[in-house]
């Protein structure tokens, strides 16, 4: 899908905002003829010249071919290498739940025992930095949100510490603070560890291409469940040994980001910039025949 559009808003109070956007979105799922292998790739850009359909398609083809005749292994806690399409859903859910009102009312993972919020507290690994920036050259977005509030560069989590929480106009007025809007897209800093290095340094683990059908289990701990798909592989002694049958997982992005082992290159997905990451003790609760 390739599109360009304009947005404008004005009201009787003198508010006027305007923006122009362009974006190309590409997703592809490849299946082997016998139906036992599946592969996936996703790409998202504001500049069409950065898009390479053949390269992206070949990634999906390779995953499909290499995932044929997957073997079943026992569910449990594994070291995982999460490609960006695997972690983006959990991270997105975490970001959308950074609401000050929900935290103040005791309904959030950011609620503090005895009242208040965890703003200013370290809740995840100190290597984690997540922010939004509408003028980022790799992932630009609209400079205002749907209610007309201006969007500026905002640190949400810095060195693992909660720097900001989203305040609607209403809740900001209730608490006597300035509103803090969230545009719905984020950037997470990556690291220098390549995918190949992550695999090489893994004694026993799972490479996950993608998570899907993600559903909430417990909003106060951000526990989610869902399934792997489109290429899940067993790693042993630094080598991808064979494809494995898909798993159901039960995991929280907060636990995931506390068990971080390594960060790699960022990829743009749905307007977000997300790094590949290596995480220990990721919980797979059961097998799936999908």
C-alpha atoms as a PDB file:
ATOM      1  CA  UNK A   1       0.000   0.000   0.000  1.00  0.00           C
ATOM      2  CA  UNK A   2       1.377   3.369  -1.059  1.00  0.00           C
ATOM      3  CA  UNK A   3      -0.397   6.553  -0.048  1.00  0.00           C
ATOM      4  CA  UNK A   4      -0.139  10.260   0.573  1.00  0.00           C
ATOM      5  CA  UNK A   5      -2.595  12.456   2.428  1.00  0.00           C
ATOM      6  CA  UNK A   6      -3.171  15.756   4.186  1.00  0.00           C
ATOM      7  CA  UNK A   7      -4.779  16.493   7.538  1.00  0.00           C
ATOM      8  CA  UNK A   8      -6.076  19.794   8.859  1.00  0.00           C
ATOM      9  CA  UNK A   9      -8.025  21.001  11.901  1.00  0.00           C
ATOM     10  CA  UNK A  10      -9.349  24.377  12.979  1.00  0.00           C
ATOM     11  CA  UNK A  11     -11.828  25.645  15.561  1.00  0.00           C
ATOM     12  CA  UNK A  12     -13.446  28.811  16.830  1.00  0.00           C
ATOM     13  CA  UNK A  13     -10.743  29.224  19.498  1.00  0.00           C
ATOM     14  CA  UNK A  14      -8.129  29.969  16.850  1.00  0.00           C
ATOM     15  CA  UNK A  15      -6.582  26.522  16.649  1.00  0.00           C
ATOM     16  CA  UNK A  16      -5.226  25.644  13.221  1.00  0.00           C
ATOM     17  CA  UNK A  17      -3.026  22.656  12.436  1.00  0.00           C
ATOM     18  CA  UNK A  18      -2.015  21.059   9.137  1.00  0.00           C
ATOM     19  CA  UNK A  19       0.230  18.232   8.011  1.00  0.00           C
ATOM     20  CA  UNK A  20       1.168  16.246   4.917  1.00  0.00           C
ATOM     21  CA  UNK A  21       2.238  12.626   5.027  1.00  0.00           C
ATOM     22  CA  UNK A  22       3.366   9.868   2.705  1.00  0.00           C
ATOM     23  CA  UNK A  23       3.997   6.197   3.458  1.00  0.00           C
ATOM     24  CA  UNK A  24       4.525   2.829   1.806  1.00  0.00           C
ATOM     25  CA  UNK A  25       3.586  -0.348   3.706  1.00  0.00           C
ATOM     26  CA  UNK A  26       4.563  -3.827   2.546  1.00  0.00           C
ATOM     27  CA  UNK A  27       3.826  -7.189   4.158  1.00  0.00           C
ATOM     28  CA  UNK A  28       4.178 -10.599   2.602  1.00  0.00           C
ATOM     29  CA  UNK A  29       3.526 -14.146   3.790  1.00  0.00           C
ATOM     30  CA  UNK A  30       5.017 -17.055   1.830  1.00  0.00           C
ATOM     31  CA  UNK A  31       3.791 -20.630   2.127  1.00  0.00           C
ATOM     32  CA  UNK A  32       5.421 -23.800   0.813  1.00  0.00           C
ATOM     33  CA  UNK A  33       3.318 -25.897  -1.549  1.00  0.00           C
ATOM     34  CA  UNK A  34       2.960 -28.706   0.992  1.00  0.00           C
ATOM     35  CA  UNK A  35       1.678 -26.236   3.605  1.00  0.00           C
ATOM     36  CA  UNK A  36       4.278 -27.135   6.243  1.00  0.00           C
ATOM     37  CA  UNK A  37       6.444 -24.018   5.876  1.00  0.00           C
ATOM     38  CA  UNK A  38       5.591 -20.340   6.280  1.00  0.00           C
ATOM     39  CA  UNK A  39       7.663 -17.150   6.119  1.00  0.00           C
ATOM     40  CA  UNK A  40       6.963 -13.464   6.644  1.00  0.00           C
ATOM     41  CA  UNK A  41       8.474 -10.051   5.981  1.00  0.00           C
ATOM     42  CA  UNK A  42       7.292  -6.504   6.687  1.00  0.00           C
ATOM     43  CA  UNK A  43       8.666  -3.136   5.560  1.00  0.00           C
ATOM     44  CA  UNK A  44       7.436   0.416   6.143  1.00  0.00           C
ATOM     45  CA  UNK A  45       8.921   3.664   4.786  1.00  0.00           C
ATOM     46  CA  UNK A  46       8.116   7.301   4.103  1.00  0.00           C
ATOM     47  CA  UNK A  47      10.508   7.223   1.135  1.00  0.00           C
ATOM     48  CA  UNK A  48       9.535   4.753  -1.602  1.00  0.00           C
ATOM     49  CA  UNK A  49      13.144   4.690  -2.893  1.00  0.00           C
ATOM     50  CA  UNK A  50      14.213   2.819   0.250  1.00  0.00           C
ATOM     51  CA  UNK A  51      11.842  -0.066  -0.510  1.00  0.00           C
ATOM     52  CA  UNK A  52      13.261  -3.249  -2.072  1.00  0.00           C
ATOM     53  CA  UNK A  53      10.429  -5.691  -2.829  1.00  0.00           C
ATOM     54  CA  UNK A  54      12.709  -8.491  -4.025  1.00  0.00           C
ATOM     55  CA  UNK A  55      14.951  -8.376  -0.948  1.00  0.00           C
ATOM     56  CA  UNK A  56      11.981  -8.410   1.421  1.00  0.00           C
ATOM     57  CA  UNK A  57      10.240 -11.196  -0.484  1.00  0.00           C
ATOM     58  CA  UNK A  58      13.359 -13.357  -0.474  1.00  0.00           C
ATOM     59  CA  UNK A  59      13.512 -13.097   3.322  1.00  0.00           C
ATOM     60  CA  UNK A  60       9.970 -14.494   3.497  1.00  0.00           C
ATOM     61  CA  UNK A  61      10.786 -17.203   0.933  1.00  0.00           C
ATOM     62  CA  UNK A  62      13.875 -18.349   2.850  1.00  0.00           C
ATOM     63  CA  UNK A  63      11.955 -18.517   6.117  1.00  0.00           C
ATOM     64  CA  UNK A  64       9.158 -20.509   4.482  1.00  0.00           C
ATOM     65  CA  UNK A  65      11.525 -23.049   2.926  1.00  0.00           C
ATOM     66  CA  UNK A  66      13.605 -23.395   6.088  1.00  0.00           C
ATOM     67  CA  UNK A  67      10.563 -23.830   8.333  1.00  0.00           C
ATOM     68  CA  UNK A  68       9.239 -26.933   6.515  1.00  0.00           C
ATOM     69  CA  UNK A  69       8.529 -30.021   8.618  1.00  0.00           C
ATOM     70  CA  UNK A  70       8.976 -28.321  11.987  1.00  0.00           C
ATOM     71  CA  UNK A  71       9.732 -30.463  15.036  1.00  0.00           C
ATOM     72  CA  UNK A  72       7.942 -30.259  18.360  1.00  0.00           C
ATOM     73  CA  UNK A  73      10.008 -29.341  21.406  1.00  0.00           C
ATOM     74  CA  UNK A  74       8.931 -28.914  25.006  1.00  0.00           C
ATOM     75  CA  UNK A  75       7.462 -25.569  25.990  1.00  0.00           C
ATOM     76  CA  UNK A  76       9.107 -23.706  28.852  1.00  0.00           C
ATOM     77  CA  UNK A  77      11.409 -20.740  29.461  1.00  0.00           C
ATOM     78  CA  UNK A  78      13.881 -20.140  26.643  1.00  0.00           C
ATOM     79  CA  UNK A  79      16.433 -17.582  25.586  1.00  0.00           C
ATOM     80  CA  UNK A  80      14.839 -15.959  22.540  1.00  0.00           C
ATOM     81  CA  UNK A  81      16.013 -13.786  19.696  1.00  0.00           C
ATOM     82  CA  UNK A  82      13.045 -11.605  18.835  1.00  0.00           C
ATOM     83  CA  UNK A  83      13.100 -10.075  15.392  1.00  0.00           C
ATOM     84  CA  UNK A  84      11.364  -6.653  15.304  1.00  0.00           C
ATOM     85  CA  UNK A  85       8.089  -8.114  13.968  1.00  0.00           C
ATOM     86  CA  UNK A  86       8.035 -10.361  17.042  1.00  0.00           C
ATOM     87  CA  UNK A  87       8.531  -7.692  19.704  1.00  0.00           C
ATOM     88  CA  UNK A  88       6.683  -4.713  18.176  1.00  0.00           C
ATOM     89  CA  UNK A  89       3.232  -5.917  19.294  1.00  0.00           C
ATOM     90  CA  UNK A  90       4.238  -6.287  22.956  1.00  0.00           C
ATOM     91  CA  UNK A  91       6.054  -2.950  22.920  1.00  0.00           C
ATOM     92  CA  UNK A  92       3.100  -1.214  21.261  1.00  0.00           C
ATOM     93  CA  UNK A  93       0.744  -2.521  23.940  1.00  0.00           C
ATOM     94  CA  UNK A  94       3.080  -1.252  26.646  1.00  0.00           C
ATOM     95  CA  UNK A  95       3.263   2.220  25.091  1.00  0.00           C
ATOM     96  CA  UNK A  96      -0.511   2.531  24.683  1.00  0.00           C
ATOM     97  CA  UNK A  97      -0.926   1.662  28.367  1.00  0.00           C
ATOM     98  CA  UNK A  98       1.269   4.521  29.617  1.00  0.00           C
ATOM     99  CA  UNK A  99      -1.778   6.514  30.698  1.00  0.00           C
ATOM    100  CA  UNK A 100      -1.536   8.770  33.749  1.00  0.00           C
ATOM    101  CA  UNK A 101      -5.226   8.412  34.587  1.00  0.00           C
ATOM    102  CA  UNK A 102      -5.125   4.625  34.600  1.00  0.00           C
ATOM    103  CA  UNK A 103      -1.962   4.726  36.720  1.00  0.00           C
ATOM    104  CA  UNK A 104      -3.452   7.208  39.206  1.00  0.00           C
ATOM    105  CA  UNK A 105      -6.595   5.088  39.501  1.00  0.00           C
ATOM    106  CA  UNK A 106      -4.613   1.927  40.278  1.00  0.00           C
ATOM    107  CA  UNK A 107      -5.439   0.166  37.008  1.00  0.00           C
ATOM    108  CA  UNK A 108      -2.003   0.113  35.383  1.00  0.00           C
ATOM    109  CA  UNK A 109       1.472  -1.401  35.471  1.00  0.00           C
ATOM    110  CA  UNK A 110       2.545   2.176  36.287  1.00  0.00           C
ATOM    111  CA  UNK A 111       0.385   2.335  39.420  1.00  0.00           C
ATOM    112  CA  UNK A 112       2.354   2.717  42.624  1.00  0.00           C
ATOM    113  CA  UNK A 113       1.420   0.834  45.774  1.00  0.00           C
ATOM    114  CA  UNK A 114      -0.336   3.226  48.100  1.00  0.00           C
ATOM    115  CA  UNK A 115      -1.262   5.586  45.279  1.00  0.00           C
ATOM    116  CA  UNK A 116       0.449   7.658  42.626  1.00  0.00           C
ATOM    117  CA  UNK A 117       2.480   6.579  39.619  1.00  0.00           C
ATOM    118  CA  UNK A 118       5.912   5.109  38.941  1.00  0.00           C
ATOM    119  CA  UNK A 119       7.099   8.174  37.045  1.00  0.00           C
ATOM    120  CA  UNK A 120      10.768   8.676  37.901  1.00  0.00           C
ATOM    121  CA  UNK A 121      11.300   5.019  38.830  1.00  0.00           C
ATOM    122  CA  UNK A 122      13.440   2.476  37.006  1.00  0.00           C
ATOM    123  CA  UNK A 123      11.168  -0.355  35.886  1.00  0.00           C
ATOM    124  CA  UNK A 124      13.263  -2.089  33.182  1.00  0.00           C
ATOM    125  CA  UNK A 125      16.858  -2.633  32.015  1.00  0.00           C
ATOM    126  CA  UNK A 126      18.949   0.553  31.979  1.00  0.00           C
ATOM    127  CA  UNK A 127      19.850  -0.011  28.313  1.00  0.00           C
ATOM    128  CA  UNK A 128      16.247   0.630  27.262  1.00  0.00           C
ATOM    129  CA  UNK A 129      15.491   4.057  25.793  1.00  0.00           C
ATOM    130  CA  UNK A 130      12.087   4.640  24.183  1.00  0.00           C
ATOM    131  CA  UNK A 131      10.929   7.994  22.853  1.00  0.00           C
ATOM    132  CA  UNK A 132       8.734   9.591  20.211  1.00  0.00           C
ATOM    133  CA  UNK A 133       9.939  12.245  17.771  1.00  0.00           C
ATOM    134  CA  UNK A 134       7.710  13.488  14.922  1.00  0.00           C
ATOM    135  CA  UNK A 135      10.740  14.996  13.144  1.00  0.00           C
ATOM    136  CA  UNK A 136      12.922  11.878  13.238  1.00  0.00           C
ATOM    137  CA  UNK A 137      14.299  11.504   9.682  1.00  0.00           C
ATOM    138  CA  UNK A 138      13.824   7.720   9.654  1.00  0.00           C
ATOM    139  CA  UNK A 139      10.307   7.728  11.107  1.00  0.00           C
ATOM    140  CA  UNK A 140       8.645  11.140  10.757  1.00  0.00           C
ATOM    141  CA  UNK A 141       5.005  11.515  11.799  1.00  0.00           C
ATOM    142  CA  UNK A 142       2.355  14.207  12.156  1.00  0.00           C
ATOM    143  CA  UNK A 143       3.427  17.039  14.463  1.00  0.00           C
ATOM    144  CA  UNK A 144       0.073  17.111  16.262  1.00  0.00           C
ATOM    145  CA  UNK A 145      -2.376  14.616  17.702  1.00  0.00           C
ATOM    146  CA  UNK A 146      -6.072  14.158  16.999  1.00  0.00           C
ATOM    147  CA  UNK A 147      -7.242  16.715  19.568  1.00  0.00           C
ATOM    148  CA  UNK A 148      -4.894  19.395  18.209  1.00  0.00           C
ATOM    149  CA  UNK A 149      -2.157  19.203  20.851  1.00  0.00           C
ATOM    150  CA  UNK A 150       1.325  19.737  19.402  1.00  0.00           C
ATOM    151  CA  UNK A 151       3.582  16.702  19.327  1.00  0.00           C
ATOM    152  CA  UNK A 152       7.237  17.177  20.202  1.00  0.00           C
ATOM    153  CA  UNK A 153      10.138  14.897  20.958  1.00  0.00           C
ATOM    154  CA  UNK A 154       9.282  13.104  24.195  1.00  0.00           C
ATOM    155  CA  UNK A 155      11.318  10.647  26.257  1.00  0.00           C
ATOM    156  CA  UNK A 156       9.021   7.959  27.665  1.00  0.00           C
ATOM    157  CA  UNK A 157      11.607   5.596  29.101  1.00  0.00           C
ATOM    158  CA  UNK A 158      15.220   6.707  29.519  1.00  0.00           C
ATOM    159  CA  UNK A 159      17.880   4.376  30.876  1.00  0.00           C
ATOM    160  CA  UNK A 160      15.022   2.140  32.047  1.00  0.00           C
ATOM    161  CA  UNK A 161      13.382   4.991  34.010  1.00  0.00           C
ATOM    162  CA  UNK A 162       9.824   6.215  33.368  1.00  0.00           C
ATOM    163  CA  UNK A 163      10.399   9.790  32.174  1.00  0.00           C
ATOM    164  CA  UNK A 164       6.903  10.731  31.007  1.00  0.00           C
ATOM    165  CA  UNK A 165       3.327   9.427  31.171  1.00  0.00           C
ATOM    166  CA  UNK A 166       0.515  10.363  28.810  1.00  0.00           C
ATOM    167  CA  UNK A 167      -1.890  13.014  30.172  1.00  0.00           C
ATOM    168  CA  UNK A 168      -5.093  13.828  28.321  1.00  0.00           C
ATOM    169  CA  UNK A 169      -6.324  17.425  28.462  1.00  0.00           C
ATOM    170  CA  UNK A 170      -8.990  16.366  30.966  1.00  0.00           C
ATOM    171  CA  UNK A 171      -6.690  14.471  33.328  1.00  0.00           C
ATOM    172  CA  UNK A 172      -3.962  17.107  33.093  1.00  0.00           C
ATOM    173  CA  UNK A 173      -6.494  19.720  34.248  1.00  0.00           C
ATOM    174  CA  UNK A 174      -7.604  17.441  37.094  1.00  0.00           C
ATOM    175  CA  UNK A 175      -3.991  17.065  38.274  1.00  0.00           C
ATOM    176  CA  UNK A 176      -2.850  20.617  37.560  1.00  0.00           C
ATOM    177  CA  UNK A 177      -0.165  19.646  35.036  1.00  0.00           C
ATOM    178  CA  UNK A 178       0.476  20.186  31.352  1.00  0.00           C
ATOM    179  CA  UNK A 179      -1.080  17.634  28.946  1.00  0.00           C
ATOM    180  CA  UNK A 180       1.329  15.120  27.434  1.00  0.00           C
ATOM    181  CA  UNK A 181       0.038  13.629  24.167  1.00  0.00           C
ATOM    182  CA  UNK A 182       1.098  10.336  22.602  1.00  0.00           C
ATOM    183  CA  UNK A 183       1.058  10.073  18.828  1.00  0.00           C
ATOM    184  CA  UNK A 184       0.992   6.273  18.767  1.00  0.00           C
ATOM    185  CA  UNK A 185       4.453   5.656  17.314  1.00  0.00           C
ATOM    186  CA  UNK A 186       7.733   5.159  19.124  1.00  0.00           C
ATOM    187  CA  UNK A 187      11.455   4.713  18.639  1.00  0.00           C
ATOM    188  CA  UNK A 188      13.478   2.275  20.732  1.00  0.00           C
ATOM    189  CA  UNK A 189      17.245   2.627  20.670  1.00  0.00           C
ATOM    190  CA  UNK A 190      19.131  -0.420  19.495  1.00  0.00           C
ATOM    191  CA  UNK A 191      22.649  -1.723  19.969  1.00  0.00           C
ATOM    192  CA  UNK A 192      25.653  -3.050  18.086  1.00  0.00           C
ATOM    193  CA  UNK A 193      25.027  -6.803  18.297  1.00  0.00           C
ATOM    194  CA  UNK A 194      24.121  -8.340  14.936  1.00  0.00           C
ATOM    195  CA  UNK A 195      21.553 -11.080  14.452  1.00  0.00           C
ATOM    196  CA  UNK A 196      24.326 -13.519  13.524  1.00  0.00           C
ATOM    197  CA  UNK A 197      26.266 -12.656  16.686  1.00  0.00           C
ATOM    198  CA  UNK A 198      23.166 -13.184  18.806  1.00  0.00           C
ATOM    199  CA  UNK A 199      22.685 -16.633  17.284  1.00  0.00           C
ATOM    200  CA  UNK A 200      26.384 -17.501  17.623  1.00  0.00           C
ATOM    201  CA  UNK A 201      26.359 -16.577  21.321  1.00  0.00           C
ATOM    202  CA  UNK A 202      23.242 -18.610  22.127  1.00  0.00           C
ATOM    203  CA  UNK A 203      23.808 -22.058  23.640  1.00  0.00           C
ATOM    204  CA  UNK A 204      20.150 -23.067  23.554  1.00  0.00           C
ATOM    205  CA  UNK A 205      17.315 -20.851  22.395  1.00  0.00           C
ATOM    206  CA  UNK A 206      14.591 -19.919  19.921  1.00  0.00           C
ATOM    207  CA  UNK A 207      14.623 -17.500  16.992  1.00  0.00           C
ATOM    208  CA  UNK A 208      11.178 -15.909  16.602  1.00  0.00           C
ATOM    209  CA  UNK A 209      10.120 -14.213  13.375  1.00  0.00           C
ATOM    210  CA  UNK A 210       6.727 -12.942  14.443  1.00  0.00           C
ATOM    211  CA  UNK A 211       4.127 -12.914  17.239  1.00  0.00           C
ATOM    212  CA  UNK A 212       0.426 -12.532  16.540  1.00  0.00           C
ATOM    213  CA  UNK A 213      -3.059 -12.843  18.047  1.00  0.00           C
ATOM    214  CA  UNK A 214      -1.762 -10.998  21.110  1.00  0.00           C
ATOM    215  CA  UNK A 215      -4.363 -10.670  23.860  1.00  0.00           C
ATOM    216  CA  UNK A 216      -4.296  -9.178  27.368  1.00  0.00           C
ATOM    217  CA  UNK A 217      -4.279 -11.525  30.377  1.00  0.00           C
ATOM    218  CA  UNK A 218      -3.574  -9.090  33.230  1.00  0.00           C
ATOM    219  CA  UNK A 219      -3.483  -5.308  32.539  1.00  0.00           C
ATOM    220  CA  UNK A 220      -1.861  -4.510  35.883  1.00  0.00           C
ATOM    221  CA  UNK A 221       1.224  -6.570  35.072  1.00  0.00           C
ATOM    222  CA  UNK A 222       0.902  -6.217  31.278  1.00  0.00           C
ATOM    223  CA  UNK A 223       0.807  -9.991  30.924  1.00  0.00           C
ATOM    224  CA  UNK A 224      -0.098 -11.026  27.370  1.00  0.00           C
ATOM    225  CA  UNK A 225      -0.656 -14.262  25.521  1.00  0.00           C
ATOM    226  CA  UNK A 226      -0.367 -15.041  21.832  1.00  0.00           C
ATOM    227  CA  UNK A 227       1.290 -17.263  19.254  1.00  0.00           C
ATOM    228  CA  UNK A 228       4.465 -17.489  17.195  1.00  0.00           C
ATOM    229  CA  UNK A 229       4.161 -17.892  13.429  1.00  0.00           C
ATOM    230  CA  UNK A 230       5.887 -17.716  10.034  1.00  0.00           C
ATOM    231  CA  UNK A 231       9.267 -19.082  11.050  1.00  0.00           C
ATOM    232  CA  UNK A 232      10.259 -20.301  14.529  1.00  0.00           C
ATOM    233  CA  UNK A 233      13.671 -21.977  14.840  1.00  0.00           C
ATOM    234  CA  UNK A 234      15.657 -23.882  17.464  1.00  0.00           C
ATOM    235  CA  UNK A 235      19.201 -22.673  18.197  1.00  0.00           C
ATOM    236  CA  UNK A 236      21.813 -24.959  19.733  1.00  0.00           C
ATOM    237  CA  UNK A 237      25.486 -24.179  20.378  1.00  0.00           C
ATOM    238  CA  UNK A 238      25.386 -21.050  18.226  1.00  0.00           C
ATOM    239  CA  UNK A 239      23.723 -22.626  15.184  1.00  0.00           C
ATOM    240  CA  UNK A 240      20.139 -22.756  13.897  1.00  0.00           C
ATOM    241  CA  UNK A 241      19.493 -26.508  14.052  1.00  0.00           C
ATOM    242  CA  UNK A 242      15.931 -26.917  12.768  1.00  0.00           C
ATOM    243  CA  UNK A 243      12.459 -25.334  12.625  1.00  0.00           C
ATOM    244  CA  UNK A 244      10.142 -25.906  15.579  1.00  0.00           C
ATOM    245  CA  UNK A 245       6.390 -26.048  15.885  1.00  0.00           C
ATOM    246  CA  UNK A 246       4.740 -22.841  16.939  1.00  0.00           C
ATOM    247  CA  UNK A 247       4.254 -21.945  20.600  1.00  0.00           C
ATOM    248  CA  UNK A 248       1.716 -20.111  22.682  1.00  0.00           C
ATOM    249  CA  UNK A 249       3.501 -17.596  24.872  1.00  0.00           C
ATOM    250  CA  UNK A 250       2.580 -15.894  28.167  1.00  0.00           C
ATOM    251  CA  UNK A 251       4.806 -12.917  28.732  1.00  0.00           C
ATOM    252  CA  UNK A 252       4.897  -9.284  29.839  1.00  0.00           C
ATOM    253  CA  UNK A 253       6.949  -6.669  27.968  1.00  0.00           C
ATOM    254  CA  UNK A 254       8.087  -5.425  31.387  1.00  0.00           C
ATOM    255  CA  UNK A 255       9.572  -8.826  32.256  1.00  0.00           C
ATOM    256  CA  UNK A 256      10.904  -9.127  28.705  1.00  0.00           C
ATOM    257  CA  UNK A 257      12.748  -5.794  28.967  1.00  0.00           C
ATOM    258  CA  UNK A 258      14.131  -6.742  32.393  1.00  0.00           C
ATOM    259  CA  UNK A 259      15.593  -9.958  30.944  1.00  0.00           C
ATOM    260  CA  UNK A 260      17.379  -8.208  28.101  1.00  0.00           C
ATOM    261  CA  UNK A 261      20.706  -9.692  27.003  1.00  0.00           C
ATOM    262  CA  UNK A 262      21.533  -7.837  23.771  1.00  0.00           C
ATOM    263  CA  UNK A 263      20.186  -5.212  21.361  1.00  0.00           C
ATOM    264  CA  UNK A 264      20.799  -4.919  17.641  1.00  0.00           C
ATOM    265  CA  UNK A 265      19.848  -2.921  14.569  1.00  0.00           C
ATOM    266  CA  UNK A 266      16.514  -1.068  14.390  1.00  0.00           C
ATOM    267  CA  UNK A 267      13.893  -1.761  11.718  1.00  0.00           C
ATOM    268  CA  UNK A 268      10.918   0.456  10.919  1.00  0.00           C
ATOM    269  CA  UNK A 269       7.581  -1.336  11.435  1.00  0.00           C
ATOM    270  CA  UNK A 270       4.217   0.460  11.306  1.00  0.00           C
ATOM    271  CA  UNK A 271       6.041   3.762  11.712  1.00  0.00           C
ATOM    272  CA  UNK A 272       7.936   2.558  14.806  1.00  0.00           C
ATOM    273  CA  UNK A 273      11.680   1.909  14.968  1.00  0.00           C
ATOM    274  CA  UNK A 274      12.275  -1.383  16.798  1.00  0.00           C
ATOM    275  CA  UNK A 275      15.583  -3.234  17.365  1.00  0.00           C
ATOM    276  CA  UNK A 276      16.192  -6.937  17.198  1.00  0.00           C
ATOM    277  CA  UNK A 277      16.693  -8.130  20.770  1.00  0.00           C
ATOM    278  CA  UNK A 278      17.917 -11.144  22.678  1.00  0.00           C
ATOM    279  CA  UNK A 279      15.998 -11.973  25.856  1.00  0.00           C
ATOM    280  CA  UNK A 280      16.418 -14.737  28.449  1.00  0.00           C
ATOM    281  CA  UNK A 281      13.642 -16.732  30.139  1.00  0.00           C
ATOM    282  CA  UNK A 282      10.870 -15.935  27.683  1.00  0.00           C
ATOM    283  CA  UNK A 283       7.861 -18.079  28.610  1.00  0.00           C
ATOM    284  CA  UNK A 284       6.339 -20.468  26.073  1.00  0.00           C
ATOM    285  CA  UNK A 285       3.367 -22.085  27.784  1.00  0.00           C
ATOM    286  CA  UNK A 286       2.243 -24.692  25.227  1.00  0.00           C
ATOM    287  CA  UNK A 287       2.613 -25.932  21.668  1.00  0.00           C
ATOM    288  CA  UNK A 288       0.373 -24.848  18.793  1.00  0.00           C
ATOM    289  CA  UNK A 289      -0.460 -26.930  15.733  1.00  0.00           C
ATOM    290  CA  UNK A 290      -0.926 -23.814  13.597  1.00  0.00           C
END
